[in-house]
Amino acid sequence: MTVLPRILTIDPTGVSARLVRAAIDLTDQVVVQTDIPHSAAALAELSVNPYHLVVCAVRLYEDDIDGYALAQQIIPHLPNTAVVLIGENSDPDAQFDGNAIMIKRPLDPQHFFKVFQCALEGRDIRTALSSAGEATQPTQDLGPIPALDLAAVDKIIDELLRDVAPLSLVLATREGEVLLERGTDSRLDREQLAQAVLPAAQATIQVGHLARGKPSALSFYDGDQYDIFVLSIGYHHVLCLVFDGKGGSKLFGAVRNYAQRAALDVIALMGEGAFSLNHTNSAGHKGRKKPSRQPQVMDMAQESPAAVMHTPETDAPAATDVPATPRLQLEPLDNFDPALLDQLDGLNSADADALFDLDTLGEIAKGRDRNGGALTYEEAQRLGIVQ
């Protein structure tokens, strides 16, 4: 039976638990996560069940010890368990002898992602953090950025603003160019924000090659004055949502649902170009204002005449399946005398042909019968002269 990775978070505020849950959602990992607010209960849990990763906050408000001391107690007894201590910028740095590191907020999403993956794979998280810090930016040409129909994007953004109501919203490219900005808070420099989130856009491209498929990244920066969410839109665009620092972290679920839906709508406008790199036909991308799904619609329209040409071939066999006319069934004659047929030997065939000649039938209708009178309408109808 497969043993699922286990993660323990120790944080009375619940911030560490939300960060771990976000990493789980973005990586589609199947893990067992346990959230405990106090150190005593956490130590009791660790003595019973093994864990791959322990994420602990520095400040444990209701406990006698802080995160530093708790990590020092865990490391000697559980050498195979990775310990991540999460603190603030004002907290002092810490160096540990075992498989443990300290990360300060706001978190670097690329660093945290690599540490998370290494811990679940049973590797030393210290090497993952150092390799992430030494990672260089890609030198290859990523190609031009696909053009966006901003009129269509405006409608998507308006709906997103009604759903989550951020203080500010910025849509930027991976090169830091602001394409669209909304919001009532003018204290935040939107241009500076677009430049600051460039590493997140580059991380999406780098991690995307590891995650395979079409990755989606959601980064969260928790501050005192602002809480900032950064959502990737393909490889070439990022969406920044700025909330008040007092309650922005509580909106993680709403932002993930509504902003992710808006991102998918914008990706649909760009089509396959949203995840394409090293474009060769730059002029075509710069001049494109419609989604790349449009050529697919034209291809379907071009194929439709061929389907019409094959229609007669498919319908021809059906035309032969005509139901047969039912055979006329006549009632038998009562008291039929076969001797009457002997009188046909003296029949003049010319008289029989006259029955099918309309002119002759007309003369018969106008003539006299055996009693010397003209035919009545009923008699002519009975003889079949008229219908």
Protein backbone atom coordinates (compact mmCIF):
# COMPACT_ATOMS: atom_id res chain seq x y z
CA MET A 1 0.00 0.00 0.00
CA THR A 2 1.31 3.45 -0.93
CA VAL A 3 2.20 5.66 2.05
CA LEU A 4 1.07 9.25 1.55
CA PRO A 5 3.42 12.08 2.55
CA ARG A 6 2.49 13.75 5.83
CA ILE A 7 2.86 17.46 6.62
CA LEU A 8 2.43 19.08 10.03
CA THR A 9 1.90 22.82 10.47
CA ILE A 10 2.31 24.57 13.83
CA ASP A 11 0.91 28.09 13.74
CA PRO A 12 -1.81 29.65 15.93
CA THR A 13 -2.65 32.17 13.18
CA GLY A 14 -3.18 29.53 10.47
CA VAL A 15 -0.97 31.35 7.95
CA SER A 16 1.47 28.45 7.62
CA ALA A 17 -1.39 26.05 7.01
CA ARG A 18 -2.73 28.22 4.18
CA LEU A 19 0.71 28.48 2.57
CA VAL A 20 1.15 24.72 2.61
CA ARG A 21 -2.36 24.16 1.29
CA ALA A 22 -1.67 26.56 -1.57
CA ALA A 23 1.47 24.61 -2.50
CA ILE A 24 -0.52 21.38 -2.41
CA ASP A 25 -3.19 22.82 -4.71
CA LEU A 26 -0.67 24.17 -7.20
CA THR A 27 1.29 20.91 -7.41
CA ASP A 28 -1.73 18.55 -7.29
CA GLN A 29 0.02 16.56 -4.55
CA VAL A 30 -1.94 14.03 -2.52
CA VAL A 31 -0.77 14.42 1.08
CA VAL A 32 -2.01 14.19 4.65
CA GLN A 33 -1.89 17.64 6.27
CA THR A 34 -2.35 18.14 10.01
CA ASP A 35 -2.71 21.66 11.46
CA ILE A 36 -1.98 22.13 15.18
CA PRO A 37 -1.85 25.57 16.84
CA HIS A 38 0.28 24.75 19.92
CA SER A 39 3.74 23.26 20.45
CA ALA A 40 2.80 20.73 23.16
CA ALA A 41 0.16 19.07 21.01
CA ALA A 42 2.54 19.13 18.02
CA LEU A 43 5.28 17.30 19.95
CA ALA A 44 2.76 14.71 21.06
CA GLU A 45 1.63 14.19 17.46
CA LEU A 46 5.22 13.85 16.22
CA SER A 47 5.90 11.16 18.81
CA VAL A 48 3.05 9.06 17.40
CA ASN A 49 3.11 9.60 13.62
CA PRO A 50 6.05 10.16 11.24
CA TYR A 51 6.04 13.31 9.09
CA HIS A 52 7.97 14.29 5.98
CA LEU A 53 7.70 18.03 6.63
CA VAL A 54 7.03 20.29 9.62
CA VAL A 55 6.20 23.94 8.92
CA CYS A 56 6.35 26.06 12.07
CA ALA A 57 5.81 29.75 12.74
CA VAL A 58 8.39 31.67 14.74
CA ARG A 59 5.79 33.28 16.97
CA LEU A 60 3.72 30.84 19.03
CA TYR A 61 1.79 33.38 21.05
CA GLU A 62 0.17 31.16 23.67
CA ASP A 63 3.18 28.86 24.22
CA ASP A 64 6.12 29.16 26.57
CA ILE A 65 8.58 28.51 23.72
CA ASP A 66 8.93 30.04 20.29
CA GLY A 67 9.50 28.45 16.91
CA TYR A 68 13.30 28.55 17.29
CA ALA A 69 13.25 26.43 20.43
CA LEU A 70 10.62 24.07 19.04
CA ALA A 71 12.69 23.43 15.92
CA GLN A 72 15.75 22.69 18.07
CA GLN A 73 13.70 20.05 19.94
CA ILE A 74 12.42 18.38 16.76
CA ILE A 75 15.66 18.21 14.73
CA PRO A 76 17.74 15.84 16.96
CA HIS A 77 14.91 13.35 17.48
CA LEU A 78 13.56 13.32 13.90
CA PRO A 79 16.56 13.60 11.55
CA ASN A 80 14.52 12.41 8.54
CA THR A 81 11.88 15.10 9.00
CA ALA A 82 12.39 18.43 7.21
CA VAL A 83 11.62 21.52 9.32
CA VAL A 84 10.75 24.90 7.81
CA LEU A 85 10.58 27.86 10.17
CA ILE A 86 8.55 30.80 8.84
CA GLY A 87 9.22 34.24 10.29
CA GLU A 88 8.90 37.94 9.55
CA ASN A 89 11.54 40.32 8.23
CA SER A 90 12.11 41.64 11.74
CA ASP A 91 12.84 38.18 13.18
CA PRO A 92 16.52 37.24 13.65
CA ASP A 93 18.06 34.72 11.29
CA ALA A 94 18.70 31.18 12.45
CA GLN A 95 21.08 28.44 11.34
CA PHE A 96 20.31 24.80 12.08
CA ASP A 97 22.55 21.75 12.14
CA GLY A 98 19.96 19.36 10.74
CA ASN A 99 17.55 19.27 7.82
CA ALA A 100 15.94 22.62 8.62
CA ILE A 101 15.85 26.15 7.23
CA MET A 102 14.24 29.49 7.99
CA ILE A 103 12.20 31.44 5.43
CA LYS A 104 10.99 34.99 5.97
CA ARG A 105 7.87 36.59 4.60
CA PRO A 106 7.03 37.72 2.02
CA LEU A 107 7.96 34.33 0.66
CA ASP A 108 9.75 33.82 -2.61
CA PRO A 109 7.34 31.41 -4.36
CA GLN A 110 10.11 29.72 -6.33
CA HIS A 111 12.16 29.01 -3.18
CA PHE A 112 9.19 27.75 -1.20
CA PHE A 113 8.05 25.55 -4.07
CA LYS A 114 11.47 23.88 -4.37
CA VAL A 115 11.73 23.38 -0.60
CA PHE A 116 8.24 21.86 -0.55
CA GLN A 117 9.08 19.42 -3.35
CA CYS A 118 12.41 18.38 -1.81
CA ALA A 119 10.80 17.71 1.57
CA LEU A 120 8.14 15.44 0.09
CA GLU A 121 10.80 13.57 -1.90
CA GLY A 122 12.90 12.99 1.24
CA ARG A 123 15.84 15.17 0.16
CA ASP A 124 17.79 17.78 2.11
CA ILE A 125 15.86 21.03 1.86
CA ARG A 126 19.00 23.11 2.49
CA THR A 127 20.44 22.10 -0.87
CA ALA A 128 17.15 22.95 -2.57
CA LEU A 129 17.19 26.45 -1.12
CA SER A 130 20.79 27.08 -2.15
CA SER A 131 20.20 25.80 -5.70
CA ALA A 132 17.15 28.01 -5.97
CA GLY A 133 19.15 31.04 -4.91
CA GLU A 134 21.85 30.29 -7.46
CA ALA A 135 19.41 29.76 -10.33
CA THR A 136 20.02 32.11 -13.21
CA GLN A 137 17.49 33.67 -15.51
CA PRO A 138 16.99 31.89 -18.82
CA THR A 139 19.17 33.28 -21.57
CA GLN A 140 17.13 31.94 -24.48
CA ASP A 141 14.88 34.26 -26.43
CA LEU A 142 11.32 33.74 -25.23
CA GLY A 143 9.90 35.44 -28.28
CA PRO A 144 7.36 38.26 -28.51
CA ILE A 145 4.47 38.55 -26.10
CA PRO A 146 1.08 37.64 -27.63
CA ALA A 147 -1.20 40.62 -28.17
CA LEU A 148 -4.34 40.92 -26.05
CA ASP A 149 -7.73 42.28 -27.04
CA LEU A 150 -7.96 44.76 -24.16
CA ALA A 151 -11.62 45.52 -24.89
CA ALA A 152 -12.47 41.88 -24.23
CA VAL A 153 -10.13 41.75 -21.23
CA ASP A 154 -11.91 44.78 -19.72
CA LYS A 155 -15.17 42.81 -19.48
CA ILE A 156 -13.41 39.93 -17.74
CA ILE A 157 -11.69 42.27 -15.28
CA ASP A 158 -14.95 44.11 -14.50
CA GLU A 159 -16.56 40.83 -13.51
CA LEU A 160 -13.55 39.92 -11.35
CA LEU A 161 -13.70 43.28 -9.58
CA ARG A 162 -17.33 42.65 -8.67
CA ASP A 163 -16.48 39.19 -7.31
CA VAL A 164 -13.48 39.96 -5.05
CA ALA A 165 -13.36 43.80 -4.79
CA PRO A 166 -9.59 44.40 -4.41
CA LEU A 167 -8.07 47.77 -3.56
CA SER A 168 -6.03 47.68 -6.76
CA LEU A 169 -5.61 45.43 -9.77
CA VAL A 170 -2.72 45.37 -12.23
CA LEU A 171 -2.38 43.30 -15.40
CA ALA A 172 1.21 43.26 -16.65
CA THR A 173 3.42 41.38 -19.07
CA ARG A 174 6.43 39.25 -18.15
CA GLU A 175 8.60 42.24 -19.17
CA GLY A 176 6.97 44.54 -16.60
CA GLU A 177 4.74 46.52 -18.97
CA VAL A 178 1.43 47.53 -17.35
CA LEU A 179 -1.44 46.78 -19.73
CA LEU A 180 -4.37 47.53 -17.44
CA GLU A 181 -4.81 48.93 -13.95
CA ARG A 182 -7.85 49.46 -11.77
CA GLY A 183 -8.49 50.47 -8.20
CA THR A 184 -9.07 53.29 -5.77
CA ASP A 185 -5.85 53.07 -3.73
CA SER A 186 -3.32 55.46 -5.25
CA ARG A 187 -0.65 54.91 -2.57
CA LEU A 188 0.73 51.82 -4.32
CA ASP A 189 3.00 52.38 -7.31
CA ARG A 190 1.57 50.10 -10.02
CA GLU A 191 4.65 50.36 -12.24
CA GLN A 192 6.91 49.39 -9.35
CA LEU A 193 4.61 46.47 -8.51
CA ALA A 194 4.76 45.20 -12.09
CA GLN A 195 8.56 45.26 -11.98
CA ALA A 196 8.66 43.57 -8.57
CA VAL A 197 6.65 40.53 -9.69
CA LEU A 198 8.88 39.79 -12.69
CA PRO A 199 10.65 36.94 -10.80
CA ALA A 200 7.25 35.31 -10.30
CA ALA A 201 6.64 35.37 -14.06
CA GLN A 202 10.07 33.89 -14.73
CA ALA A 203 9.49 31.24 -12.06
CA THR A 204 6.28 30.17 -13.79
CA ILE A 205 8.22 29.47 -16.98
CA GLN A 206 11.02 27.61 -15.19
CA VAL A 207 8.78 25.55 -12.92
CA GLY A 208 6.38 24.97 -15.82
CA HIS A 209 8.98 22.82 -17.54
CA LEU A 210 9.20 20.69 -14.39
CA ALA A 211 5.46 20.47 -13.77
CA ARG A 212 4.70 19.68 -17.44
CA GLY A 213 1.48 20.66 -19.15
CA LYS A 214 0.14 24.19 -18.81
CA PRO A 215 1.06 25.39 -15.30
CA SER A 216 -0.78 27.93 -13.20
CA ALA A 217 0.92 29.76 -10.30
CA LEU A 218 -0.66 31.73 -7.47
CA SER A 219 1.72 33.64 -5.16
CA PHE A 220 0.71 35.34 -1.92
CA TYR A 221 2.64 38.16 -0.23
CA ASP A 222 1.44 38.90 3.30
CA GLY A 223 2.27 42.39 4.55
CA ASP A 224 1.16 44.73 7.30
CA GLN A 225 -0.37 47.33 4.99
CA TYR A 226 -1.13 45.24 1.90
CA ASP A 227 -1.74 41.62 1.01
CA ILE A 228 -0.82 40.93 -2.61
CA PHE A 229 -1.84 37.98 -4.77
CA VAL A 230 0.03 37.37 -8.03
CA LEU A 231 -1.60 35.01 -10.51
CA SER A 232 0.08 33.79 -13.69
CA ILE A 233 -1.81 34.04 -16.98
CA GLY A 234 0.00 31.66 -19.27
CA TYR A 235 3.72 32.30 -19.63
CA HIS A 236 3.53 35.94 -20.67
CA HIS A 237 1.20 37.82 -18.29
CA VAL A 238 0.61 38.21 -14.56
CA LEU A 239 -2.39 39.53 -12.65
CA CYS A 240 -1.78 41.35 -9.35
CA LEU A 241 -4.59 41.78 -6.80
CA VAL A 242 -3.94 44.09 -3.85
CA PHE A 243 -6.01 43.87 -0.65
CA ASP A 244 -5.89 45.48 2.76
CA GLY A 245 -3.23 43.88 4.95
CA LYS A 246 -5.64 43.17 7.79
CA GLY A 247 -7.91 40.70 6.01
CA GLY A 248 -6.48 39.86 2.62
CA SER A 249 -5.23 36.46 3.70
CA LYS A 250 -8.80 35.37 4.46
CA LEU A 251 -9.71 35.83 0.79
CA PHE A 252 -7.33 33.15 -0.45
CA GLY A 253 -10.15 30.78 -1.46
CA ALA A 254 -12.19 33.47 -3.20
CA VAL A 255 -9.17 34.80 -5.08
CA ARG A 256 -8.15 31.32 -6.13
CA ASN A 257 -11.62 30.55 -7.53
CA TYR A 258 -12.61 33.83 -9.19
CA ALA A 259 -9.16 35.00 -10.28
CA GLN A 260 -8.33 31.58 -11.69
CA ARG A 261 -11.55 31.66 -13.71
CA ALA A 262 -10.69 35.13 -15.03
CA ALA A 263 -7.19 33.95 -15.92
CA LEU A 264 -8.62 31.05 -17.91
CA ASP A 265 -10.88 33.46 -19.79
CA VAL A 266 -7.91 35.65 -20.71
CA ILE A 267 -5.92 32.58 -21.75
CA ALA A 268 -8.81 31.61 -24.02
CA LEU A 269 -8.46 34.98 -25.77
CA MET A 270 -4.81 34.24 -26.56
CA GLY A 271 -5.33 30.58 -27.41
CA GLU A 272 -2.21 28.44 -27.70
CA GLY A 273 -0.03 31.55 -27.76
CA ALA A 274 -0.50 31.91 -23.99
CA PHE A 275 1.89 28.99 -23.41
CA SER A 276 4.04 29.29 -26.54
CA LEU A 277 7.69 30.32 -26.36
CA ASN A 278 10.25 31.18 -29.05
CA HIS A 279 7.71 32.42 -31.57
CA THR A 280 9.19 32.67 -35.08
CA ASN A 281 6.45 34.71 -36.71
CA SER A 282 6.62 37.81 -34.56
CA ALA A 283 4.72 40.02 -37.01
CA GLY A 284 1.74 37.73 -36.95
CA HIS A 285 1.58 37.80 -33.16
CA LYS A 286 1.95 41.55 -32.89
CA GLY A 287 -0.85 42.21 -35.31
CA ARG A 288 -3.22 39.61 -33.95
CA LYS A 289 -6.18 41.01 -32.07
CA LYS A 290 -8.43 37.96 -32.09
CA PRO A 291 -8.02 34.68 -30.22
CA SER A 292 -6.01 32.02 -31.96
CA ARG A 293 -9.08 29.81 -31.81
CA GLN A 294 -10.45 31.70 -34.83
CA PRO A 295 -8.34 29.80 -37.44
CA GLN A 296 -9.72 26.57 -36.05
CA VAL A 297 -13.25 27.78 -36.77
CA MET A 298 -12.25 28.64 -40.34
CA ASP A 299 -10.78 25.18 -40.81
CA MET A 300 -14.07 23.64 -39.82
CA ALA A 301 -15.91 25.82 -42.32
CA GLN A 302 -13.53 24.80 -45.09
CA GLU A 303 -14.17 21.15 -44.39
CA SER A 304 -17.94 21.48 -44.62
CA PRO A 305 -18.22 21.37 -48.49
CA ALA A 306 -16.41 18.04 -48.51
CA ALA A 307 -19.05 16.67 -46.20
CA VAL A 308 -21.78 17.87 -48.60
CA MET A 309 -20.06 16.17 -51.56
CA HIS A 310 -20.22 12.83 -49.79
CA THR A 311 -23.90 13.18 -49.01
CA PRO A 312 -25.25 11.65 -52.31
CA GLU A 313 -23.04 8.60 -51.84
CA THR A 314 -24.32 7.98 -48.39
CA ASP A 315 -27.95 8.66 -49.33
CA ALA A 316 -27.96 6.54 -52.55
CA PRO A 317 -28.46 3.18 -50.84
CA ALA A 318 -31.31 4.62 -48.79
CA ALA A 319 -33.17 5.63 -51.98
CA THR A 320 -33.48 1.96 -53.07
CA ASP A 321 -35.20 0.96 -49.87
CA VAL A 322 -38.68 1.92 -51.13
CA PRO A 323 -41.47 -0.06 -49.46
CA ALA A 324 -43.21 -2.45 -51.88
CA THR A 325 -46.79 -1.62 -52.91
CA PRO A 326 -49.19 -4.00 -51.19
CA ARG A 327 -50.84 -6.46 -53.58
CA LEU A 328 -54.49 -5.78 -54.28
CA GLN A 329 -56.69 -8.35 -52.62
CA LEU A 330 -60.17 -8.88 -54.19
CA GLU A 331 -63.09 -10.56 -52.52
CA PRO A 332 -64.08 -13.94 -54.10
CA LEU A 333 -67.27 -14.09 -56.23
CA ASP A 334 -70.15 -16.05 -54.87
CA ASN A 335 -71.77 -18.67 -57.16
CA PHE A 336 -69.23 -18.12 -59.95
CA ASP A 337 -70.04 -20.14 -63.09
CA PRO A 338 -66.87 -20.99 -65.11
CA ALA A 339 -69.07 -21.80 -68.16
CA LEU A 340 -69.49 -18.06 -68.70
CA LEU A 341 -65.87 -17.90 -69.88
CA ASP A 342 -66.76 -20.07 -72.90
CA GLN A 343 -68.65 -17.12 -74.39
CA LEU A 344 -65.38 -15.19 -74.76
CA ASP A 345 -64.51 -17.16 -77.89
CA GLY A 346 -66.84 -14.98 -79.97
CA LEU A 347 -65.65 -11.70 -78.43
CA ASN A 348 -64.39 -9.03 -80.84
CA SER A 349 -61.09 -7.66 -79.52
CA ALA A 350 -61.77 -4.33 -81.21
CA ASP A 351 -64.73 -3.83 -78.91
CA ALA A 352 -62.46 -4.44 -75.95
CA ASP A 353 -59.97 -1.81 -77.15
CA ALA A 354 -62.80 0.68 -77.31
CA LEU A 355 -63.07 0.56 -73.55
CA PHE A 356 -59.70 2.36 -73.35
CA ASP A 357 -60.46 4.96 -76.02
CA LEU A 358 -61.74 8.22 -74.47
CA ASP A 359 -63.47 9.33 -77.68
CA THR A 360 -65.34 6.05 -78.01
CA LEU A 361 -66.33 6.16 -74.36
CA GLY A 362 -67.70 9.64 -74.91
CA GLU A 363 -69.87 8.43 -77.79
CA ILE A 364 -71.16 5.57 -75.67
CA ALA A 365 -72.10 8.03 -72.95
CA LYS A 366 -74.04 10.17 -75.41
CA GLY A 367 -75.71 7.20 -77.15
CA ARG A 368 -78.80 5.20 -76.30
CA ASP A 369 -78.93 2.16 -74.09
CA ARG A 370 -80.78 -1.08 -74.92
CA ASN A 371 -84.02 0.43 -73.68
CA GLY A 372 -83.65 3.33 -76.07
CA GLY A 373 -82.71 5.92 -73.45
CA ALA A 374 -79.52 7.88 -72.81
CA LEU A 375 -77.12 6.80 -70.05
CA THR A 376 -77.66 8.46 -66.71
CA TYR A 377 -74.78 9.84 -64.66
CA GLU A 378 -75.10 7.00 -62.18
CA GLU A 379 -74.92 4.43 -65.00
CA ALA A 380 -71.88 6.11 -66.55
CA GLN A 381 -70.21 6.16 -63.13
CA ARG A 382 -71.05 2.51 -62.62
CA LEU A 383 -69.55 1.65 -66.00
CA GLY A 384 -66.35 3.48 -65.14
CA ILE A 385 -66.80 6.13 -67.82
CA VAL A 386 -66.67 8.95 -65.26
CA GLN A 387 -65.08 9.06 -61.85
